[in-house]
Each structure stands twice: as C-alpha cells, then as structure tokens.
Amino acid sequence: MVISRTSIAPAPAPPVGPGPSRDRVLDLVRSACLVVVVVLHAMMAGIEVGASGIQITNALENQRWFTPVSWIIQVMPLFFVVGGFAGITQWRRMRDAGATPADFARARLTRLARPALVAFAAIAGALAVASAAGVSPDLLAQVGFRMSQPMWFIGVYLGTSALVPLMCRLHERAPRATLALLVSFALGVDVLSIANASPAIGFVNLAFVWLAIQQIGFWYADGWFRFRSNNQLLGVAFGAFALLLANTTAGPYPADMLANLNPPTINLVLLGVVQVCLLSLVTARLAVLMGRPGLRAAVDVIGRHSLTIYLWHMPAVVLLAAVLLILGFPWPEPLGVAWWLTRGAWLAGIALVLIPLAGRLGRFERGVTGPPRRTPGLAGAGVVIAIAAIVTVLVAGFTTGSATIAALLLLLALRLQHSSKRSLVTGNA
C-alpha cells in the first residue's frame, strides 16, 4: 500500500531551528484551492423558479460526467496538507519562543472564531429580516441548509489545528508509526461503516482522515518530498492513484470524490498523496511563477482574506441570487444551454459581491497581533465550544435561531481567552 511506503520510509530529523516560516508555492496552492472551492460552490447553485415557487438544488449532483471532474477539483486534501505545513512551522516558532500548546490553540481559535462570529451574526440578522419581510419559510430553510454545508471545514480545521502541538510531538518521536496509525484508524472506520451500512459511523473520520492528511503536511515541512527523486515521487503517486482507482471501481467506494467527502474516506488520504507528490514535481516551476509581481500580489491579497472569503462566499451567492430575483431576471433551467452560457456572468457577479465584502470584513480575520496567555483549560474549552457552534449550524442548517446560538457560542469561546497579557509571537493560519 502506498501510504505504508510513505509512512515507513526514513524521514529526516525535524529541523533544529524554527525552519522556514512560509512557503510561497504553498501560498499559491492555498489561494488556488480557495478559488476552486468558491467556483465549485457557485456552479452547484441550481435555482429554479416555477409555479411551485423557488427551488434550490445541487446542479452537479448525480451527473455522470461530473465524476471524473471531481477527481481534479477535489482540493480539500491539499488544503489540509498546506494547513499541516503552516501549523507545524508556526508551532515550532512559538515553541522556540517559549509558548505553550495552549497558546498555540488559543491563537488558532482567535484567528478562526473572530471572522466566523461576524459571519454567523450577520447571517442570523439577515434571516430574521427576510422572515419578517414574508419570505417563505421553506425557501429560507433551503437557503440556510445550502449556506451551512461548507461550514464543516471551519470546525474540522479548528480541531485539527488545535491538536498540532500534540501531533507534532508524536511526529517528532515516531513519524512513521504516527502516520501509519492514523491511516489504520481511518481505514478501520471505513470498514465498520461499510460493513454496517451506516454512513454515520464514517463521520468519525472527520478526525482520522484529516489528521492523517495534516500529518502529511508535517512530512512536507520536514522536506521528505523535497528529498525524493522525480522517479520516486512518480512511483508513489502512481501507486496511490492505482489504489484509488481500485477502491472506486472494484471496491466499495463511490467514484465521485465529492461523495468521498461526506463522510470522509481513506480515498481522500490517497488523493492527498497523489496531489502532494505531483505538487512536489512542479514546485520549481510554480516558484518561478510566484516571481511575477502581479501573481504574488494577488496571492497575498487572497491569503490575507482567505477565511473571510471562505465564510462569505455562500452568502455572496445568496445575495446575488436575491437581487436578481427581485429584479425579475429570468432563471434558465440548470445544466441547459442557456444555463451554461450564463455561468461566466454568474461567476463574475459573485466576484463583484464577494470582493468588497472580503475587503471590508477582512479586518476581523487579522484580529489581534498575538494570542492571549491564560490557563490551558480555557484554551481547550474555547476550542470545544467553538466546534459546538459549527456543529449547531451543520445539524440545524442556518436559521435565525441556530445562527444566533452559534454566534453566542463563538463569542463565549473568544471571551474565555480574554486577558490583558499578550504573546509577542505571531503566525499565519
């Protein structure tokens, strides 16, 4: 199994110093992945206006042609590889400066929860206004459900980030065993879920799958992929791809990579291995591209507003659709010729809404210059409460009530971190 090859190969010793604080190629990768996610969710918006009212569907769901496309646009593994790199490099810098794991968790919590609190409070207010204006409760339920779906990433990313100090310690002591154990647990959850025909069991892999992929980001930070030859990288990528192909053709897994996201399966780990190997093969070329001032500036802007863009891209879709509906614009049948011909204008309209939103609200993402220090228990409690806020909107969808409760929970999580003492260590998510 290719994952086993990756996990048993000798890993270089962790760097003695803090290591590189950032990787410009990974900045480009993260920005590109975010753009792909925004475009994908915008394309999924299937809005139909008929005699029975307005219906919102996933226009790309159950489309046979979309299955091979999903293998290309499923970028969440790369997101978590980049997150693993950023997490371990920031933690090592903070650790060298005398920070504790609680300081690190608190910094990540503050970075993620502040912009989420603003977004959730705004969504609660907007839904309340729409309800008071007489918008159909059924339509609001559809809108709230669609807007809430991408929020899983915020909760899982916060949870995996908060565990970076622990996972880094395990990685530095036993990198091969740690990765192998996470992969084994993820595979075991899949087996139980499939054997019992219970997708609910599979959601345990929200922990094991994404922690395993984050761990691959640790290996990337330590230079494991950089120290492999092109032939070795191609061999690992080909082996992982072969297993992925077998799992989704002769095996019990769906071929659609987006279906493998909900719940997450071992296939995402395999896809992550393929992606990081291919990335390593083209890193030098991407580094040359990042030498262009225009591209570098664009990547920097997206990077500074990445969480804001992620949190607000679905509200931007809803806002644009609401304006077009109010103005009486016609809505072509999803996936029809007219629908495809108008997708360029649709994406451009979303960009026109999202860019000023991100520019104005990005200051909440930047927040304070360092994490407040306090007892470890409050940092852990804050993370748990913030994750509970995300779970609230995932389970109930965005409603006035659920968004309000989630915003209050995020506020509580942040207030638990309040202190007059501040650390001087800073870092990026």
Protein backbone atom coordinates (compact mmCIF):
# COMPACT_ATOMS: atom_id res chain seq x y z
CA MET A 1 0.00 0.00 0.00
CA VAL A 2 1.44 3.37 -0.99
CA ILE A 3 0.51 5.05 2.23
CA SER A 4 2.55 2.39 4.00
CA ARG A 5 5.53 3.15 1.75
CA THR A 6 5.25 6.79 2.68
CA SER A 7 4.92 6.01 6.35
CA ILE A 8 7.80 3.53 6.60
CA ALA A 9 10.36 5.39 4.51
CA PRO A 10 13.09 7.05 6.56
CA ALA A 11 12.13 10.58 7.48
CA PRO A 12 14.68 13.30 8.02
CA ALA A 13 15.15 14.56 11.53
CA PRO A 14 12.96 17.54 12.41
CA PRO A 15 14.73 20.84 11.91
CA VAL A 16 16.63 22.08 14.91
CA GLY A 17 15.61 25.68 14.37
CA PRO A 18 12.18 27.07 13.58
CA GLY A 19 12.52 26.24 9.87
CA PRO A 20 11.06 28.28 7.03
CA SER A 21 8.22 30.48 8.19
CA ARG A 22 6.35 30.20 4.89
CA ASP A 23 6.46 28.60 1.50
CA ARG A 24 5.44 30.90 -1.35
CA VAL A 25 4.46 27.96 -3.54
CA LEU A 26 2.11 26.71 -0.84
CA ASP A 27 0.68 30.22 -0.58
CA LEU A 28 -0.14 29.94 -4.29
CA VAL A 29 -1.60 26.45 -3.82
CA ARG A 30 -3.82 27.56 -0.95
CA SER A 31 -5.11 30.55 -2.90
CA ALA A 32 -5.77 28.42 -5.99
CA CYS A 33 -7.62 25.83 -3.90
CA LEU A 34 -9.80 28.55 -2.38
CA VAL A 35 -10.70 29.88 -5.82
CA VAL A 36 -11.61 26.34 -6.94
CA VAL A 37 -13.88 25.90 -3.89
CA VAL A 38 -15.67 29.21 -4.49
CA VAL A 39 -16.20 28.46 -8.18
CA LEU A 40 -17.38 24.91 -7.45
CA HIS A 41 -19.97 26.00 -4.89
CA ALA A 42 -21.16 28.77 -7.21
CA MET A 43 -21.58 26.27 -10.04
CA MET A 44 -23.51 23.92 -7.78
CA ALA A 45 -26.21 26.53 -7.24
CA GLY A 46 -29.19 25.23 -9.20
CA ILE A 47 -32.02 27.76 -8.83
CA GLU A 48 -35.36 27.03 -10.44
CA VAL A 49 -38.34 29.39 -10.48
CA GLY A 50 -41.65 27.76 -11.30
CA ALA A 51 -45.32 27.64 -10.43
CA SER A 52 -44.49 25.90 -7.14
CA GLY A 53 -42.08 28.66 -6.14
CA ILE A 54 -38.31 28.81 -5.89
CA GLN A 55 -36.36 25.57 -5.54
CA ILE A 56 -32.66 25.31 -4.80
CA THR A 57 -30.77 22.18 -5.79
CA ASN A 58 -27.22 21.00 -6.32
CA ALA A 59 -27.00 21.28 -10.09
CA LEU A 60 -23.96 18.99 -10.33
CA GLU A 61 -25.26 16.18 -8.12
CA ASN A 62 -25.70 12.73 -9.74
CA GLN A 63 -24.24 13.87 -13.06
CA ARG A 64 -22.16 11.05 -14.59
CA TRP A 65 -19.88 13.45 -16.48
CA PHE A 66 -19.01 15.20 -13.23
CA THR A 67 -17.38 12.12 -11.64
CA PRO A 68 -14.03 12.38 -13.49
CA VAL A 69 -14.10 16.15 -12.97
CA SER A 70 -14.40 15.60 -9.22
CA TRP A 71 -11.00 13.87 -9.20
CA ILE A 72 -9.44 17.13 -10.36
CA ILE A 73 -11.39 19.69 -8.33
CA GLN A 74 -11.41 17.81 -5.01
CA VAL A 75 -8.79 20.06 -3.42
CA MET A 76 -9.60 19.62 0.28
CA PRO A 77 -6.66 17.21 0.82
CA LEU A 78 -4.30 19.90 -0.47
CA PHE A 79 -5.94 22.42 1.87
CA PHE A 80 -5.10 20.22 4.86
CA VAL A 81 -1.57 19.45 3.62
CA VAL A 82 -0.94 23.19 3.42
CA GLY A 83 -2.58 23.59 6.82
CA GLY A 84 -0.27 20.93 8.26
CA PHE A 85 2.79 22.73 6.90
CA ALA A 86 1.59 26.09 8.26
CA GLY A 87 0.62 24.58 11.60
CA ILE A 88 3.85 22.78 12.38
CA THR A 89 6.07 25.65 11.24
CA GLN A 90 4.12 28.17 13.33
CA TRP A 91 4.08 25.87 16.35
CA ARG A 92 7.84 25.30 16.18
CA ARG A 93 8.44 29.05 16.08
CA MET A 94 6.14 29.62 19.03
CA ARG A 95 7.62 26.69 20.95
CA ASP A 96 11.14 28.03 20.43
CA ALA A 97 9.95 31.38 21.78
CA GLY A 98 8.64 29.72 24.95
CA ALA A 99 4.95 29.41 24.06
CA THR A 100 2.79 26.53 25.30
CA PRO A 101 0.37 24.29 23.36
CA ALA A 102 -2.46 26.30 24.93
CA ASP A 103 -1.00 29.49 23.47
CA PHE A 104 -0.96 27.90 20.04
CA ALA A 105 -4.53 26.58 20.31
CA ARG A 106 -5.68 29.98 21.53
CA ALA A 107 -4.03 31.73 18.58
CA ARG A 108 -5.73 29.40 16.10
CA LEU A 109 -9.07 29.72 17.88
CA THR A 110 -8.91 33.52 17.78
CA ARG A 111 -7.93 33.55 14.11
CA LEU A 112 -10.82 31.29 13.09
CA ALA A 113 -13.57 32.27 15.54
CA ARG A 114 -13.48 36.05 15.12
CA PRO A 115 -14.45 36.14 11.42
CA ALA A 116 -16.88 33.24 11.92
CA LEU A 117 -18.62 35.14 14.74
CA VAL A 118 -19.13 38.16 12.48
CA ALA A 119 -20.41 36.00 9.61
CA PHE A 120 -22.82 33.98 11.77
CA ALA A 121 -24.22 37.08 13.48
CA ALA A 122 -24.78 38.73 10.09
CA ILE A 123 -26.48 35.62 8.73
CA ALA A 124 -28.76 35.46 11.78
CA GLY A 125 -29.76 39.09 11.25
CA ALA A 126 -30.32 38.67 7.51
CA LEU A 127 -32.51 35.61 8.02
CA ALA A 128 -34.53 37.43 10.67
CA VAL A 129 -35.11 40.37 8.30
CA ALA A 130 -36.05 38.02 5.43
CA SER A 131 -38.51 36.16 7.65
CA ALA A 132 -40.09 39.42 8.84
CA ALA A 133 -40.38 40.52 5.20
CA GLY A 134 -42.51 37.46 4.47
CA VAL A 135 -40.04 35.23 2.64
CA SER A 136 -41.29 31.64 2.53
CA PRO A 137 -40.04 29.55 5.49
CA ASP A 138 -39.41 26.67 3.08
CA LEU A 139 -37.18 28.86 0.91
CA LEU A 140 -35.30 30.16 3.96
CA ALA A 141 -34.76 26.56 5.08
CA GLN A 142 -33.31 25.66 1.68
CA VAL A 143 -31.05 28.70 1.70
CA GLY A 144 -29.94 28.04 5.27
CA PHE A 145 -29.11 24.43 4.51
CA ARG A 146 -27.04 25.27 1.43
CA MET A 147 -25.13 28.02 3.23
CA SER A 148 -24.34 25.81 6.22
CA GLN A 149 -22.85 22.87 4.31
CA PRO A 150 -19.36 24.34 3.69
CA MET A 151 -19.01 25.27 7.38
CA TRP A 152 -17.77 21.76 8.25
CA PHE A 153 -14.33 22.89 7.11
CA ILE A 154 -14.12 25.60 9.78
CA GLY A 155 -14.91 23.16 12.61
CA VAL A 156 -12.61 20.39 11.39
CA TYR A 157 -9.77 22.77 10.59
CA LEU A 158 -10.02 24.30 14.06
CA GLY A 159 -9.99 20.87 15.70
CA THR A 160 -7.02 19.56 13.72
CA SER A 161 -5.13 22.84 14.19
CA ALA A 162 -5.64 22.80 17.94
CA LEU A 163 -4.06 19.32 18.02
CA VAL A 164 -0.94 20.40 16.09
CA PRO A 165 1.31 20.59 19.21
CA LEU A 166 0.33 17.05 20.23
CA MET A 167 0.58 15.66 16.71
CA CYS A 168 3.92 17.43 16.21
CA ARG A 169 5.26 15.78 19.36
CA LEU A 170 4.16 12.37 18.09
CA HIS A 171 5.57 13.14 14.66
CA GLU A 172 8.96 14.12 16.04
CA ARG A 173 9.13 10.99 18.20
CA ALA A 174 7.73 8.43 15.76
CA PRO A 175 6.76 9.91 12.37
CA ARG A 176 6.23 6.59 10.60
CA ALA A 177 4.19 4.99 13.39
CA THR A 178 2.03 8.09 13.89
CA LEU A 179 1.05 8.36 10.23
CA ALA A 180 0.55 4.60 9.90
CA LEU A 181 -1.70 4.54 12.98
CA LEU A 182 -3.87 7.40 11.73
CA VAL A 183 -4.24 5.74 8.33
CA SER A 184 -5.09 2.42 10.00
CA PHE A 185 -7.77 4.07 12.14
CA ALA A 186 -9.23 5.81 9.09
CA LEU A 187 -9.35 2.54 7.18
CA GLY A 188 -10.90 0.78 10.17
CA VAL A 189 -13.67 3.37 10.38
CA ASP A 190 -14.39 2.86 6.67
CA VAL A 191 -14.60 -0.92 7.15
CA LEU A 192 -17.04 -0.55 10.05
CA SER A 193 -19.15 2.00 8.19
CA ILE A 194 -19.38 -0.13 5.04
CA ALA A 195 -19.90 -3.42 6.88
CA ASN A 196 -22.74 -1.97 8.93
CA ALA A 197 -24.17 0.07 6.04
CA SER A 198 -24.03 3.06 8.39
CA PRO A 199 -22.66 6.31 6.94
CA ALA A 200 -22.97 7.85 10.41
CA ILE A 201 -20.03 5.75 11.60
CA GLY A 202 -17.97 7.20 8.77
CA PHE A 203 -18.15 10.69 10.26
CA VAL A 204 -15.62 9.57 12.88
CA ASN A 205 -13.17 10.02 10.01
CA LEU A 206 -13.66 13.76 10.28
CA ALA A 207 -10.87 13.25 12.81
CA PHE A 208 -8.70 10.43 11.45
CA VAL A 209 -8.73 11.26 7.72
CA TRP A 210 -7.96 14.95 8.14
CA LEU A 211 -5.41 14.38 10.90
CA ALA A 212 -3.63 11.89 8.62
CA ILE A 213 -3.56 14.40 5.76
CA GLN A 214 -2.40 17.15 8.11
CA GLN A 215 0.39 14.78 9.15
CA ILE A 216 1.45 14.53 5.50
CA GLY A 217 1.83 18.30 5.66
CA PHE A 218 4.28 17.76 8.56
CA TRP A 219 6.33 15.43 6.35
CA TYR A 220 6.27 18.07 3.61
CA ALA A 221 7.53 20.68 6.10
CA ASP A 222 10.39 18.37 7.11
CA GLY A 223 11.44 18.03 3.49
CA TRP A 224 10.57 14.37 2.91
CA PHE A 225 9.04 15.03 -0.50
CA ARG A 226 11.75 17.51 -1.42
CA PHE A 227 14.40 14.85 -0.80
CA ARG A 228 12.77 12.28 -3.09
CA SER A 229 13.77 11.91 -6.73
CA ASN A 230 11.27 12.55 -9.52
CA ASN A 231 11.04 8.81 -10.20
CA GLN A 232 10.30 8.11 -6.55
CA LEU A 233 7.60 10.77 -6.45
CA LEU A 234 6.04 9.43 -9.65
CA GLY A 235 6.14 5.90 -8.24
CA VAL A 236 4.40 6.91 -5.03
CA ALA A 237 1.82 8.97 -6.94
CA PHE A 238 1.14 6.13 -9.38
CA GLY A 239 0.77 3.59 -6.58
CA ALA A 240 -1.66 5.79 -4.64
CA PHE A 241 -3.62 6.50 -7.81
CA ALA A 242 -3.81 2.78 -8.63
CA LEU A 243 -5.21 2.05 -5.17
CA LEU A 244 -7.65 4.92 -5.55
CA LEU A 245 -8.80 3.56 -8.89
CA ALA A 246 -9.21 0.05 -7.47
CA ASN A 247 -11.17 1.34 -4.47
CA THR A 248 -13.64 3.21 -6.64
CA THR A 249 -14.08 0.64 -9.42
CA ALA A 250 -13.71 -2.84 -7.94
CA GLY A 251 -14.02 -1.65 -4.34
CA PRO A 252 -16.99 -0.44 -2.28
CA TYR A 253 -16.30 3.30 -2.53
CA PRO A 254 -18.13 5.84 -4.74
CA ALA A 255 -16.16 7.10 -7.71
CA ASP A 256 -17.23 10.70 -7.13
CA MET A 257 -14.54 12.35 -4.99
CA LEU A 258 -17.06 14.79 -3.56
CA ALA A 259 -19.13 11.83 -2.35
CA ASN A 260 -15.99 10.57 -0.60
CA LEU A 261 -16.02 13.82 1.35
CA ASN A 262 -19.32 13.17 3.11
CA PRO A 263 -18.36 11.26 5.17
CA PRO A 264 -14.61 11.42 4.52
CA THR A 265 -12.98 8.16 3.44
CA ILE A 266 -9.47 6.75 3.11
CA ASN A 267 -9.66 7.73 -0.56
CA LEU A 268 -9.03 11.34 0.42
CA VAL A 269 -5.74 10.30 2.03
CA LEU A 270 -4.75 8.51 -1.17
CA LEU A 271 -5.77 11.51 -3.24
CA GLY A 272 -3.76 13.75 -0.90
CA VAL A 273 -0.67 11.58 -1.51
CA VAL A 274 -1.15 11.87 -5.27
CA GLN A 275 -1.62 15.62 -5.05
CA VAL A 276 1.38 16.33 -2.83
CA CYS A 277 3.65 14.16 -4.99
CA LEU A 278 2.55 15.95 -8.16
CA LEU A 279 2.94 19.28 -6.40
CA SER A 280 6.50 18.36 -5.42
CA LEU A 281 7.27 17.58 -9.07
CA VAL A 282 6.22 21.05 -10.25
CA THR A 283 7.34 23.12 -7.25
CA ALA A 284 10.28 24.67 -9.11
CA ARG A 285 8.05 25.84 -11.96
CA LEU A 286 5.47 27.24 -9.55
CA ALA A 287 8.24 29.07 -7.70
CA VAL A 288 9.17 30.78 -10.97
CA LEU A 289 5.53 31.80 -11.44
CA MET A 290 5.47 33.27 -7.94
CA GLY A 291 8.32 35.53 -9.01
CA ARG A 292 5.82 37.54 -11.05
CA PRO A 293 4.80 40.62 -9.04
CA GLY A 294 1.17 40.59 -10.22
CA LEU A 295 0.57 36.98 -9.27
CA ARG A 296 2.42 37.37 -5.98
CA ALA A 297 0.31 40.40 -5.07
CA ALA A 298 -2.92 38.57 -5.91
CA VAL A 299 -1.89 35.56 -3.83
CA ASP A 300 -1.01 37.83 -0.91
CA VAL A 301 -4.41 39.54 -1.05
CA ILE A 302 -6.27 36.23 -1.16
CA GLY A 303 -4.11 34.85 1.65
CA ARG A 304 -4.85 37.80 3.94
CA HIS A 305 -8.59 37.35 3.37
CA SER A 306 -8.80 33.56 2.97
CA LEU A 307 -11.07 32.82 5.93
CA THR A 308 -13.31 35.77 5.13
CA ILE A 309 -13.65 34.62 1.53
CA TYR A 310 -14.49 31.09 2.65
CA LEU A 311 -17.06 32.23 5.21
CA TRP A 312 -18.76 34.73 2.93
CA HIS A 313 -18.72 33.10 -0.49
CA MET A 314 -22.04 31.30 0.03
CA PRO A 315 -23.79 34.39 1.48
CA ALA A 316 -22.47 36.23 -1.60
CA VAL A 317 -24.12 33.63 -3.84
CA VAL A 318 -27.40 34.04 -1.94
CA LEU A 319 -27.21 37.83 -2.01
CA LEU A 320 -26.63 37.93 -5.77
CA ALA A 321 -29.46 35.46 -6.38
CA ALA A 322 -31.81 37.52 -4.19
CA VAL A 323 -31.04 40.71 -6.11
CA LEU A 324 -31.57 39.00 -9.47
CA LEU A 325 -34.86 37.50 -8.27
CA ILE A 326 -36.09 40.86 -7.02
CA LEU A 327 -35.15 42.49 -10.33
CA GLY A 328 -37.05 39.79 -12.22
CA PHE A 329 -34.17 38.28 -14.16
CA PRO A 330 -35.04 35.00 -15.91
CA TRP A 331 -33.59 31.77 -14.50
CA PRO A 332 -32.58 29.21 -17.12
CA GLU A 333 -33.03 25.52 -16.41
CA PRO A 334 -29.96 24.16 -14.59
CA LEU A 335 -27.48 22.46 -16.95
CA GLY A 336 -29.38 23.65 -20.01
CA VAL A 337 -27.66 25.53 -22.84
CA ALA A 338 -28.76 28.93 -21.55
CA TRP A 339 -27.59 27.99 -18.04
CA TRP A 340 -24.10 27.17 -19.26
CA LEU A 341 -23.92 30.31 -21.40
CA THR A 342 -24.71 32.48 -18.37
CA ARG A 343 -22.23 30.86 -15.96
CA GLY A 344 -19.50 33.33 -16.81
CA ALA A 345 -21.73 36.27 -15.93
CA TRP A 346 -22.92 34.40 -12.81
CA LEU A 347 -19.36 33.90 -11.55
CA ALA A 348 -18.45 37.49 -12.37
CA GLY A 349 -21.47 38.73 -10.41
CA ILE A 350 -20.48 36.66 -7.37
CA ALA A 351 -16.96 38.09 -7.55
CA LEU A 352 -18.39 41.63 -7.64
CA VAL A 353 -20.30 40.89 -4.44
CA LEU A 354 -17.61 38.90 -2.66
CA ILE A 355 -14.58 41.13 -3.29
CA PRO A 356 -15.90 44.24 -1.48
CA LEU A 357 -17.31 42.05 1.31
CA ALA A 358 -13.92 40.44 1.86
CA GLY A 359 -12.15 43.80 1.66
CA ARG A 360 -14.38 45.36 4.30
CA LEU A 361 -14.64 42.38 6.65
CA GLY A 362 -11.07 41.11 6.36
CA ARG A 363 -10.00 43.13 9.40
CA PHE A 364 -11.86 40.69 11.65
CA GLU A 365 -9.74 37.88 10.25
CA ARG A 366 -6.50 39.65 11.07
CA GLY A 367 -7.59 40.31 14.62
CA VAL A 368 -5.03 40.86 17.34
CA THR A 369 -1.29 40.60 16.84
CA GLY A 370 -0.77 37.65 19.14
CA PRO A 371 -2.55 35.08 21.28
CA PRO A 372 -3.51 35.98 24.85
CA ARG A 373 -2.00 33.78 27.55
CA ARG A 374 -4.12 32.10 30.13
CA THR A 375 -4.59 28.65 31.64
CA PRO A 376 -4.60 25.63 29.29
CA GLY A 377 -8.10 24.63 30.37
CA LEU A 378 -9.64 27.77 28.91
CA ALA A 379 -7.95 27.27 25.57
CA GLY A 380 -9.26 23.72 25.33
CA ALA A 381 -12.72 24.75 26.46
CA GLY A 382 -12.78 27.54 23.90
CA VAL A 383 -11.92 25.16 21.08
CA VAL A 384 -14.63 22.69 22.15
CA ILE A 385 -17.24 25.46 22.42
CA ALA A 386 -16.30 26.87 19.02
CA ILE A 387 -16.59 23.44 17.41
CA ALA A 388 -20.00 23.06 19.09
CA ALA A 389 -21.03 26.31 17.39
CA ILE A 390 -20.13 24.89 13.99
CA VAL A 391 -21.93 21.61 14.74
CA THR A 392 -25.04 23.60 15.64
CA VAL A 393 -25.36 25.11 12.17
CA LEU A 394 -24.34 21.88 10.45
CA VAL A 395 -27.10 19.94 12.20
CA ALA A 396 -29.85 22.56 12.04
CA GLY A 397 -28.76 24.47 8.96
CA PHE A 398 -28.59 28.24 9.17
CA THR A 399 -31.75 29.55 10.78
CA THR A 400 -32.21 32.71 12.79
CA GLY A 401 -32.09 30.60 15.96
CA SER A 402 -29.18 28.30 15.07
CA ALA A 403 -27.03 31.14 13.70
CA THR A 404 -27.70 33.20 16.82
CA ILE A 405 -26.83 30.31 19.14
CA ALA A 406 -23.68 29.59 17.13
CA ALA A 407 -22.63 33.25 17.25
CA LEU A 408 -23.16 33.36 21.02
CA LEU A 409 -21.10 30.18 21.46
CA LEU A 410 -18.28 31.68 19.39
CA LEU A 411 -18.46 34.85 21.46
CA LEU A 412 -18.21 32.77 24.64
CA ALA A 413 -15.25 30.83 23.24
CA LEU A 414 -13.45 34.09 22.50
CA ARG A 415 -14.31 35.67 25.83
CA LEU A 416 -12.76 32.69 27.63
CA GLN A 417 -9.47 33.64 26.00
CA HIS A 418 -9.57 37.28 27.09
CA SER A 419 -6.61 38.52 29.06
CA SER A 420 -4.56 41.65 29.43
CA LYS A 421 -1.36 39.71 28.80
CA ARG A 422 -0.41 39.02 25.19
CA SER A 423 2.21 36.95 23.47
CA LEU A 424 4.60 38.57 21.01
CA VAL A 425 4.61 35.55 18.73
CA THR A 426 2.60 35.83 15.53
CA GLY A 427 1.82 33.48 12.65
CA ASN A 428 -0.50 32.70 9.75
CA ALA A 429 -3.20 30.07 9.60
